[in-house]
Amino acid sequence: MAEIGKVTKKTTKKEEKIEKVVETEESAEKEVKETSTKSKAKFVLAIGRRKTAIARVKVVPGTGAFTINDKEIANPNRIYTEPIKKANMDKKLDCFVKVSGGGLMGQLEAIRLGIARAIIKMEPELKKTLKLEGFLTRDPRMKERKKPGLKGARRAPQWAKR
């Protein structure tokens, strides 16, 4: 059953192509607008290391929340908050940290270094302040490896005269 009296317009291939181009331009403009709004929520990634501990730090403008290994930290008043306090960003940054390896102190110092590096990426003029406090210095001390023929890294077997 065809509708009587309805006039259908035939489109040429050129017109179809023009319509497609217009549609893609509009969708591209929408994508640009969406990405520009996403770029306002800027975040910074940084890595901190200490001994065998590695901390991957993501710093986002926010309310001062700390999340370490997917656990929310209620009162973050430890070593790792020192760079944020020195930069006067106590309640301005949210930190999301994934830390692994090493012991407790090694992990805390790795987090501190990662946060300090992230702050430097956000605001490079704070580098001098954080450098003077020693927050940007990576502590390179690590356990020395065991060598063949020795009992540890340096301990030789007991010498016997006979």
N, C-alpha and C. Protein backbone atom coordinates (compact mmCIF):
# COMPACT_ATOMS: atom_id res chain seq x y z
N MET A 1 0.83 -1.17 0.00
CA MET A 1 0.00 0.00 0.00
C MET A 1 0.88 1.24 0.00
N ALA A 2 0.93 1.85 -1.06
CA ALA A 2 1.74 3.06 -1.21
C ALA A 2 0.88 4.26 -0.86
N GLU A 3 1.53 5.25 -0.30
CA GLU A 3 0.83 6.48 0.04
C GLU A 3 0.62 7.29 -1.23
N ILE A 4 -0.58 7.77 -1.38
CA ILE A 4 -0.91 8.53 -2.57
C ILE A 4 -0.66 10.01 -2.28
N GLY A 5 -0.11 10.66 -3.23
CA GLY A 5 0.08 12.10 -3.12
C GLY A 5 1.40 12.48 -2.46
N LYS A 6 2.16 11.52 -1.99
CA LYS A 6 3.43 11.84 -1.36
C LYS A 6 4.51 11.92 -2.43
N VAL A 7 5.21 13.02 -2.42
CA VAL A 7 6.26 13.22 -3.40
C VAL A 7 7.58 12.91 -2.72
N THR A 8 8.33 12.03 -3.31
CA THR A 8 9.65 11.71 -2.77
C THR A 8 10.69 12.37 -3.64
N LYS A 9 11.67 12.91 -2.97
CA LYS A 9 12.73 13.62 -3.68
C LYS A 9 13.89 12.66 -3.89
N LYS A 10 14.34 12.57 -5.09
CA LYS A 10 15.50 11.75 -5.39
C LYS A 10 16.75 12.56 -5.13
N THR A 11 17.70 11.96 -4.42
CA THR A 11 18.95 12.67 -4.15
C THR A 11 20.04 12.08 -5.01
N THR A 12 20.93 12.93 -5.40
CA THR A 12 22.05 12.46 -6.21
C THR A 12 23.17 12.02 -5.28
N LYS A 13 24.14 11.37 -5.86
CA LYS A 13 25.28 10.91 -5.06
C LYS A 13 26.05 12.07 -4.48
N LYS A 14 26.16 13.16 -5.20
CA LYS A 14 26.87 14.34 -4.70
C LYS A 14 26.19 14.89 -3.45
N GLU A 15 24.86 14.97 -3.51
CA GLU A 15 24.13 15.50 -2.37
C GLU A 15 24.28 14.59 -1.15
N GLU A 16 24.29 13.28 -1.37
CA GLU A 16 24.49 12.35 -0.27
C GLU A 16 25.86 12.53 0.36
N LYS A 17 26.87 12.71 -0.48
CA LYS A 17 28.22 12.92 0.04
C LYS A 17 28.30 14.21 0.84
N ILE A 18 27.65 15.27 0.35
CA ILE A 18 27.66 16.55 1.07
C ILE A 18 26.99 16.39 2.43
N GLU A 19 25.86 15.68 2.48
CA GLU A 19 25.17 15.47 3.75
C GLU A 19 26.05 14.69 4.73
N LYS A 20 26.76 13.67 4.21
CA LYS A 20 27.65 12.89 5.07
C LYS A 20 28.77 13.76 5.62
N VAL A 21 29.35 14.61 4.77
CA VAL A 21 30.43 15.49 5.21
C VAL A 21 29.93 16.44 6.29
N VAL A 22 28.73 17.00 6.10
CA VAL A 22 28.16 17.91 7.10
C VAL A 22 27.95 17.17 8.41
N GLU A 23 27.43 15.93 8.35
CA GLU A 23 27.22 15.14 9.57
C GLU A 23 28.54 14.85 10.29
N THR A 24 29.58 14.50 9.52
CA THR A 24 30.86 14.21 10.16
C THR A 24 31.48 15.45 10.75
N GLU A 25 31.30 16.61 10.11
CA GLU A 25 31.83 17.86 10.68
C GLU A 25 31.14 18.18 12.00
N GLU A 26 29.80 17.99 12.03
CA GLU A 26 29.07 18.26 13.26
C GLU A 26 29.51 17.30 14.37
N SER A 27 29.69 16.03 14.04
CA SER A 27 30.14 15.07 15.06
C SER A 27 31.56 15.39 15.52
N ALA A 28 32.40 15.86 14.60
CA ALA A 28 33.77 16.24 14.97
C ALA A 28 33.76 17.43 15.92
N GLU A 29 32.88 18.41 15.65
CA GLU A 29 32.77 19.57 16.54
C GLU A 29 32.31 19.13 17.93
N LYS A 30 31.36 18.20 17.99
CA LYS A 30 30.90 17.70 19.29
C LYS A 30 32.04 17.02 20.04
N GLU A 31 32.85 16.21 19.31
CA GLU A 31 33.98 15.53 19.94
C GLU A 31 34.99 16.52 20.48
N VAL A 32 35.25 17.59 19.72
CA VAL A 32 36.20 18.61 20.16
C VAL A 32 35.68 19.27 21.43
N LYS A 33 34.38 19.59 21.47
CA LYS A 33 33.80 20.20 22.67
C LYS A 33 33.91 19.26 23.87
N GLU A 34 33.65 17.96 23.64
CA GLU A 34 33.73 16.99 24.73
C GLU A 34 35.15 16.86 25.25
N THR A 35 36.11 16.80 24.34
CA THR A 35 37.50 16.65 24.77
C THR A 35 38.00 17.90 25.46
N SER A 36 37.52 19.07 25.04
CA SER A 36 37.96 20.29 25.70
C SER A 36 37.42 20.37 27.12
N THR A 37 36.21 19.85 27.35
CA THR A 37 35.69 19.84 28.71
C THR A 37 36.43 18.82 29.56
N LYS A 38 36.89 17.71 28.93
CA LYS A 38 37.65 16.72 29.67
C LYS A 38 39.03 17.24 30.05
N SER A 39 39.62 18.08 29.19
CA SER A 39 40.96 18.57 29.46
C SER A 39 40.98 19.53 30.66
N LYS A 40 39.82 20.10 31.02
CA LYS A 40 39.78 20.96 32.20
C LYS A 40 40.04 20.16 33.47
N ALA A 41 39.60 18.90 33.51
CA ALA A 41 39.86 18.02 34.64
C ALA A 41 41.24 17.41 34.44
N LYS A 42 42.26 18.24 34.58
CA LYS A 42 43.63 17.83 34.28
C LYS A 42 44.19 16.98 35.42
N PHE A 43 44.93 15.95 35.06
CA PHE A 43 45.60 15.15 36.06
C PHE A 43 47.05 14.95 35.65
N VAL A 44 47.87 14.62 36.62
CA VAL A 44 49.29 14.45 36.38
C VAL A 44 49.72 13.10 36.94
N LEU A 45 50.52 12.39 36.15
CA LEU A 45 51.06 11.10 36.59
C LEU A 45 52.55 11.26 36.88
N ALA A 46 53.03 10.61 37.94
CA ALA A 46 54.45 10.64 38.29
C ALA A 46 54.80 9.34 39.00
N ILE A 47 56.09 9.01 38.96
CA ILE A 47 56.57 7.79 39.60
C ILE A 47 57.63 8.15 40.63
N GLY A 48 57.53 7.54 41.80
CA GLY A 48 58.53 7.72 42.84
C GLY A 48 59.10 6.36 43.22
N ARG A 49 60.40 6.32 43.47
CA ARG A 49 61.05 5.06 43.84
C ARG A 49 61.92 5.26 45.07
N ARG A 50 62.04 4.19 45.86
CA ARG A 50 62.93 4.17 47.02
C ARG A 50 63.24 2.71 47.32
N LYS A 51 64.52 2.34 47.32
CA LYS A 51 64.94 0.95 47.45
C LYS A 51 64.19 0.12 46.40
N THR A 52 63.40 -0.84 46.80
CA THR A 52 62.68 -1.65 45.82
C THR A 52 61.20 -1.27 45.74
N ALA A 53 60.81 -0.18 46.38
CA ALA A 53 59.42 0.27 46.35
C ALA A 53 59.20 1.19 45.16
N ILE A 54 58.07 1.01 44.51
CA ILE A 54 57.69 1.85 43.37
C ILE A 54 56.29 2.38 43.62
N ALA A 55 56.12 3.70 43.52
CA ALA A 55 54.82 4.33 43.72
C ALA A 55 54.42 5.05 42.44
N ARG A 56 53.25 4.69 41.91
CA ARG A 56 52.69 5.38 40.75
C ARG A 56 51.62 6.33 41.29
N VAL A 57 51.84 7.62 41.08
CA VAL A 57 51.00 8.64 41.69
C VAL A 57 50.22 9.38 40.61
N LYS A 58 48.92 9.54 40.85
CA LYS A 58 48.06 10.33 39.97
C LYS A 58 47.49 11.46 40.83
N VAL A 59 47.78 12.70 40.44
CA VAL A 59 47.33 13.87 41.20
C VAL A 59 46.29 14.62 40.37
N VAL A 60 45.13 14.89 41.00
CA VAL A 60 44.01 15.54 40.34
C VAL A 60 43.57 16.72 41.20
N PRO A 61 43.22 17.87 40.61
CA PRO A 61 42.64 18.94 41.42
C PRO A 61 41.37 18.44 42.11
N GLY A 62 41.25 18.71 43.40
CA GLY A 62 40.10 18.18 44.14
C GLY A 62 40.00 18.74 45.54
N THR A 63 39.64 17.86 46.49
CA THR A 63 39.34 18.28 47.85
C THR A 63 40.35 17.82 48.89
N GLY A 64 41.41 17.15 48.49
CA GLY A 64 42.42 16.71 49.44
C GLY A 64 42.29 15.25 49.83
N ALA A 65 41.61 14.45 49.04
CA ALA A 65 41.43 13.03 49.35
C ALA A 65 42.68 12.24 48.96
N PHE A 66 42.99 11.21 49.76
CA PHE A 66 44.13 10.32 49.49
C PHE A 66 43.62 8.91 49.33
N THR A 67 44.02 8.25 48.25
CA THR A 67 43.69 6.86 48.04
C THR A 67 44.98 6.12 47.75
N ILE A 68 45.32 5.15 48.61
CA ILE A 68 46.53 4.36 48.42
C ILE A 68 46.12 2.92 48.25
N ASN A 69 46.48 2.32 47.11
CA ASN A 69 46.11 0.94 46.76
C ASN A 69 44.61 0.71 46.95
N ASP A 70 43.81 1.61 46.40
CA ASP A 70 42.34 1.55 46.42
C ASP A 70 41.75 1.61 47.83
N LYS A 71 42.49 2.14 48.79
CA LYS A 71 41.96 2.33 50.15
C LYS A 71 41.99 3.82 50.46
N GLU A 72 40.84 4.32 50.89
CA GLU A 72 40.72 5.74 51.24
C GLU A 72 41.42 5.99 52.57
N ILE A 73 42.29 6.99 52.61
CA ILE A 73 43.00 7.35 53.84
C ILE A 73 42.28 8.54 54.45
N ALA A 74 41.79 8.37 55.70
CA ALA A 74 40.99 9.41 56.34
C ALA A 74 41.83 10.61 56.75
N ASN A 75 42.89 10.40 57.54
CA ASN A 75 43.74 11.50 58.00
C ASN A 75 45.16 11.31 57.50
N PRO A 76 45.47 11.83 56.32
CA PRO A 76 46.82 11.65 55.78
C PRO A 76 47.81 12.64 56.39
N ASN A 77 48.37 12.32 57.55
CA ASN A 77 49.35 13.20 58.21
C ASN A 77 50.66 12.46 58.36
N ARG A 78 51.22 12.01 57.27
CA ARG A 78 52.44 11.24 57.32
C ARG A 78 53.50 11.89 56.47
N ILE A 79 54.59 11.17 56.26
CA ILE A 79 55.71 11.64 55.46
C ILE A 79 55.28 12.07 54.07
N TYR A 80 54.39 11.31 53.46
CA TYR A 80 54.07 11.56 52.06
C TYR A 80 53.26 12.83 51.82
N THR A 81 52.70 13.45 52.85
CA THR A 81 51.94 14.68 52.65
C THR A 81 52.81 15.94 52.75
N GLU A 82 54.07 15.79 53.13
CA GLU A 82 54.94 16.95 53.32
C GLU A 82 55.07 17.83 52.07
N PRO A 83 55.28 17.26 50.86
CA PRO A 83 55.39 18.14 49.68
C PRO A 83 54.12 18.95 49.42
N ILE A 84 52.96 18.35 49.68
CA ILE A 84 51.69 19.06 49.45
C ILE A 84 51.55 20.22 50.44
N LYS A 85 51.92 19.97 51.69
CA LYS A 85 51.84 21.04 52.70
C LYS A 85 52.82 22.17 52.38
N LYS A 86 54.03 21.82 51.93
CA LYS A 86 55.04 22.82 51.60
C LYS A 86 54.60 23.66 50.41
N ALA A 87 53.84 23.06 49.47
CA ALA A 87 53.37 23.77 48.28
C ALA A 87 52.05 24.51 48.54
N ASN A 88 51.54 24.45 49.77
CA ASN A 88 50.26 25.07 50.16
C ASN A 88 49.10 24.59 49.29
N MET A 89 49.02 23.29 49.09
CA MET A 89 47.94 22.69 48.30
C MET A 89 47.21 21.63 49.11
N ASP A 90 47.11 21.82 50.41
CA ASP A 90 46.54 20.81 51.31
C ASP A 90 45.17 20.30 50.85
N LYS A 91 44.25 21.19 50.61
CA LYS A 91 42.87 20.81 50.27
C LYS A 91 42.55 21.05 48.80
N LYS A 92 43.59 21.13 47.96
CA LYS A 92 43.37 21.42 46.55
C LYS A 92 43.62 20.22 45.64
N LEU A 93 44.26 19.17 46.16
CA LEU A 93 44.65 18.04 45.32
C LEU A 93 44.12 16.72 45.86
N ASP A 94 43.67 15.86 44.96
CA ASP A 94 43.35 14.48 45.28
C ASP A 94 44.48 13.62 44.75
N CYS A 95 44.94 12.66 45.56
CA CYS A 95 46.04 11.79 45.16
C CYS A 95 45.58 10.34 45.13
N PHE A 96 45.87 9.68 44.02
CA PHE A 96 45.58 8.26 43.86
C PHE A 96 46.91 7.56 43.65
N VAL A 97 47.24 6.64 44.55
CA VAL A 97 48.56 6.02 44.54
C VAL A 97 48.44 4.51 44.45
N LYS A 98 49.28 3.92 43.60
CA LYS A 98 49.46 2.46 43.57
C LYS A 98 50.91 2.23 43.95
N VAL A 99 51.13 1.55 45.05
CA VAL A 99 52.50 1.33 45.52
C VAL A 99 52.73 -0.15 45.72
N SER A 100 53.95 -0.59 45.36
CA SER A 100 54.28 -2.00 45.51
C SER A 100 55.75 -2.15 45.81
N GLY A 101 56.11 -3.27 46.40
CA GLY A 101 57.51 -3.59 46.69
C GLY A 101 58.03 -2.89 47.93
N GLY A 102 59.15 -3.37 48.43
CA GLY A 102 59.81 -2.73 49.56
C GLY A 102 59.05 -2.87 50.86
N GLY A 103 59.50 -2.11 51.85
CA GLY A 103 58.86 -2.10 53.16
C GLY A 103 58.05 -0.83 53.33
N LEU A 104 57.55 -0.61 54.54
CA LEU A 104 56.67 0.51 54.81
C LEU A 104 57.36 1.85 54.58
N MET A 105 58.55 2.05 55.16
CA MET A 105 59.24 3.34 55.00
C MET A 105 59.65 3.57 53.55
N GLY A 106 60.11 2.53 52.88
CA GLY A 106 60.47 2.68 51.47
C GLY A 106 59.27 3.10 50.63
N GLN A 107 58.12 2.51 50.92
CA GLN A 107 56.90 2.87 50.19
C GLN A 107 56.48 4.31 50.48
N LEU A 108 56.55 4.71 51.75
CA LEU A 108 56.15 6.08 52.10
C LEU A 108 57.05 7.11 51.42
N GLU A 109 58.35 6.85 51.40
CA GLU A 109 59.27 7.78 50.76
C GLU A 109 59.10 7.77 49.25
N ALA A 110 58.75 6.64 48.67
CA ALA A 110 58.48 6.57 47.23
C ALA A 110 57.23 7.39 46.88
N ILE A 111 56.21 7.31 47.73
CA ILE A 111 54.99 8.09 47.53
C ILE A 111 55.33 9.58 47.62
N ARG A 112 56.13 9.95 48.61
CA ARG A 112 56.51 11.36 48.78
C ARG A 112 57.21 11.89 47.54
N LEU A 113 58.15 11.13 47.00
CA LEU A 113 58.88 11.54 45.80
C LEU A 113 57.93 11.65 44.61
N GLY A 114 57.02 10.69 44.47
CA GLY A 114 56.06 10.73 43.36
C GLY A 114 55.15 11.94 43.43
N ILE A 115 54.67 12.27 44.62
CA ILE A 115 53.79 13.43 44.79
C ILE A 115 54.56 14.71 44.49
N ALA A 116 55.80 14.80 44.97
CA ALA A 116 56.61 16.00 44.71
C ALA A 116 56.84 16.17 43.21
N ARG A 117 57.13 15.09 42.51
CA ARG A 117 57.33 15.17 41.06
C ARG A 117 56.05 15.57 40.34
N ALA A 118 54.91 15.09 40.81
CA ALA A 118 53.63 15.45 40.19
C ALA A 118 53.34 16.94 40.40
N ILE A 119 53.63 17.45 41.59
CA ILE A 119 53.41 18.88 41.85
C ILE A 119 54.28 19.72 40.94
N ILE A 120 55.53 19.29 40.72
CA ILE A 120 56.43 20.01 39.82
C ILE A 120 55.87 20.03 38.41
N LYS A 121 55.27 18.93 37.96
CA LYS A 121 54.68 18.91 36.62
C LYS A 121 53.51 19.87 36.52
N MET A 122 52.75 20.00 37.62
CA MET A 122 51.60 20.90 37.62
C MET A 122 52.03 22.36 37.67
N GLU A 123 52.96 22.66 38.58
CA GLU A 123 53.42 24.04 38.77
C GLU A 123 54.94 24.06 38.88
N PRO A 124 55.63 24.28 37.75
CA PRO A 124 57.09 24.22 37.72
C PRO A 124 57.79 25.26 38.61
N GLU A 125 57.11 26.36 38.95
CA GLU A 125 57.75 27.37 39.78
C GLU A 125 57.96 26.91 41.22
N LEU A 126 57.33 25.81 41.63
CA LEU A 126 57.51 25.28 42.99
C LEU A 126 58.73 24.37 43.11
N LYS A 127 59.43 24.16 42.01
CA LYS A 127 60.56 23.23 42.02
C LYS A 127 61.63 23.65 43.02
N LYS A 128 61.96 24.93 43.06
CA LYS A 128 63.02 25.42 43.94
C LYS A 128 62.66 25.16 45.41
N THR A 129 61.42 25.43 45.77
CA THR A 129 60.96 25.23 47.15
C THR A 129 61.07 23.76 47.56
N LEU A 130 60.57 22.88 46.69
CA LEU A 130 60.59 21.45 47.01
C LEU A 130 62.00 20.88 46.99
N LYS A 131 62.84 21.41 46.11
CA LYS A 131 64.23 20.94 46.02
C LYS A 131 64.99 21.28 47.30
N LEU A 132 64.78 22.50 47.82
CA LEU A 132 65.45 22.91 49.05
C LEU A 132 65.07 22.03 50.24
N GLU A 133 63.82 21.55 50.25
CA GLU A 133 63.37 20.68 51.33
C GLU A 133 63.85 19.24 51.16
N GLY A 134 64.37 18.91 49.98
CA GLY A 134 64.88 17.56 49.74
C GLY A 134 63.83 16.58 49.27
N PHE A 135 62.69 17.06 48.81
CA PHE A 135 61.62 16.16 48.38
C PHE A 135 61.84 15.62 46.97
N LEU A 136 62.74 16.22 46.20
CA LEU A 136 62.97 15.77 44.83
C LEU A 136 64.20 14.88 44.70
N THR A 137 64.86 14.59 45.82
CA THR A 137 66.05 13.76 45.80
C THR A 137 65.65 12.30 45.95
N ARG A 138 66.04 11.49 44.97
CA ARG A 138 65.75 10.06 45.06
C ARG A 138 66.86 9.41 45.87
N ASP A 139 66.48 8.68 46.90
CA ASP A 139 67.45 7.99 47.74
C ASP A 139 67.89 6.73 47.00
N PRO A 140 69.13 6.66 46.51
CA PRO A 140 69.53 5.57 45.63
C PRO A 140 69.96 4.29 46.35
N ARG A 141 70.00 4.33 47.68
CA ARG A 141 70.52 3.15 48.40
C ARG A 141 69.63 1.94 48.21
N MET A 142 70.25 0.85 47.81
CA MET A 142 69.54 -0.41 47.63
C MET A 142 70.38 -1.53 48.21
N LYS A 143 69.77 -2.67 48.43
CA LYS A 143 70.50 -3.82 48.93
C LYS A 143 71.45 -4.31 47.83
N GLU A 144 72.68 -4.55 48.22
CA GLU A 144 73.69 -5.01 47.26
C GLU A 144 73.44 -6.48 46.93
N ARG A 145 73.69 -6.85 45.69
CA ARG A 145 73.42 -8.22 45.28
C ARG A 145 74.46 -9.19 45.83
N LYS A 146 74.09 -10.46 45.96
CA LYS A 146 75.01 -11.49 46.40
C LYS A 146 75.93 -11.88 45.25
N LYS A 147 77.23 -12.02 45.55
CA LYS A 147 78.19 -12.40 44.52
C LYS A 147 78.52 -13.89 44.65
N PRO A 148 78.88 -14.52 43.51
CA PRO A 148 79.21 -15.95 43.58
C PRO A 148 80.47 -16.21 44.40
N GLY A 149 80.46 -17.28 45.17
CA GLY A 149 81.60 -17.64 46.00
C GLY A 149 81.59 -16.98 47.36
N LEU A 150 80.67 -16.03 47.59
CA LEU A 150 80.57 -15.36 48.88
C LEU A 150 79.28 -15.76 49.57
N LYS A 151 79.25 -15.56 50.90
CA LYS A 151 78.07 -15.93 51.66
C LYS A 151 76.96 -14.89 51.54
N GLY A 152 77.32 -13.65 51.31
CA GLY A 152 76.35 -12.57 51.11
C GLY A 152 76.86 -11.68 50.01
N ALA A 153 76.65 -10.37 50.16
CA ALA A 153 77.15 -9.45 49.15
C ALA A 153 78.67 -9.34 49.23
N ARG A 154 79.20 -9.34 50.48
CA ARG A 154 80.65 -9.18 50.66
C ARG A 154 81.28 -10.20 51.59
N ARG A 155 80.50 -10.87 52.39
CA ARG A 155 81.01 -11.80 53.40
C ARG A 155 81.61 -13.03 52.74
N ALA A 156 82.91 -13.23 52.97
CA ALA A 156 83.61 -14.39 52.42
C ALA A 156 83.48 -15.57 53.38
N PRO A 157 83.63 -16.79 52.87
CA PRO A 157 83.60 -17.94 53.78
C PRO A 157 84.81 -17.88 54.74
N GLN A 158 84.67 -18.51 55.91
CA GLN A 158 85.74 -18.46 56.89
C GLN A 158 87.01 -19.13 56.34
N TRP A 159 88.11 -18.45 56.58
CA TRP A 159 89.40 -18.96 56.09
C TRP A 159 89.95 -20.01 57.05
N ALA A 160 90.44 -21.13 56.52
CA ALA A 160 91.00 -22.18 57.36
C ALA A 160 92.47 -22.38 56.97
N LYS A 161 93.36 -22.35 57.97
CA LYS A 161 94.80 -22.51 57.68
C LYS A 161 95.12 -23.95 57.28
N ARG A 162 94.49 -24.91 57.95
CA ARG A 162 94.73 -26.31 57.62
C ARG A 162 93.46 -27.01 57.27
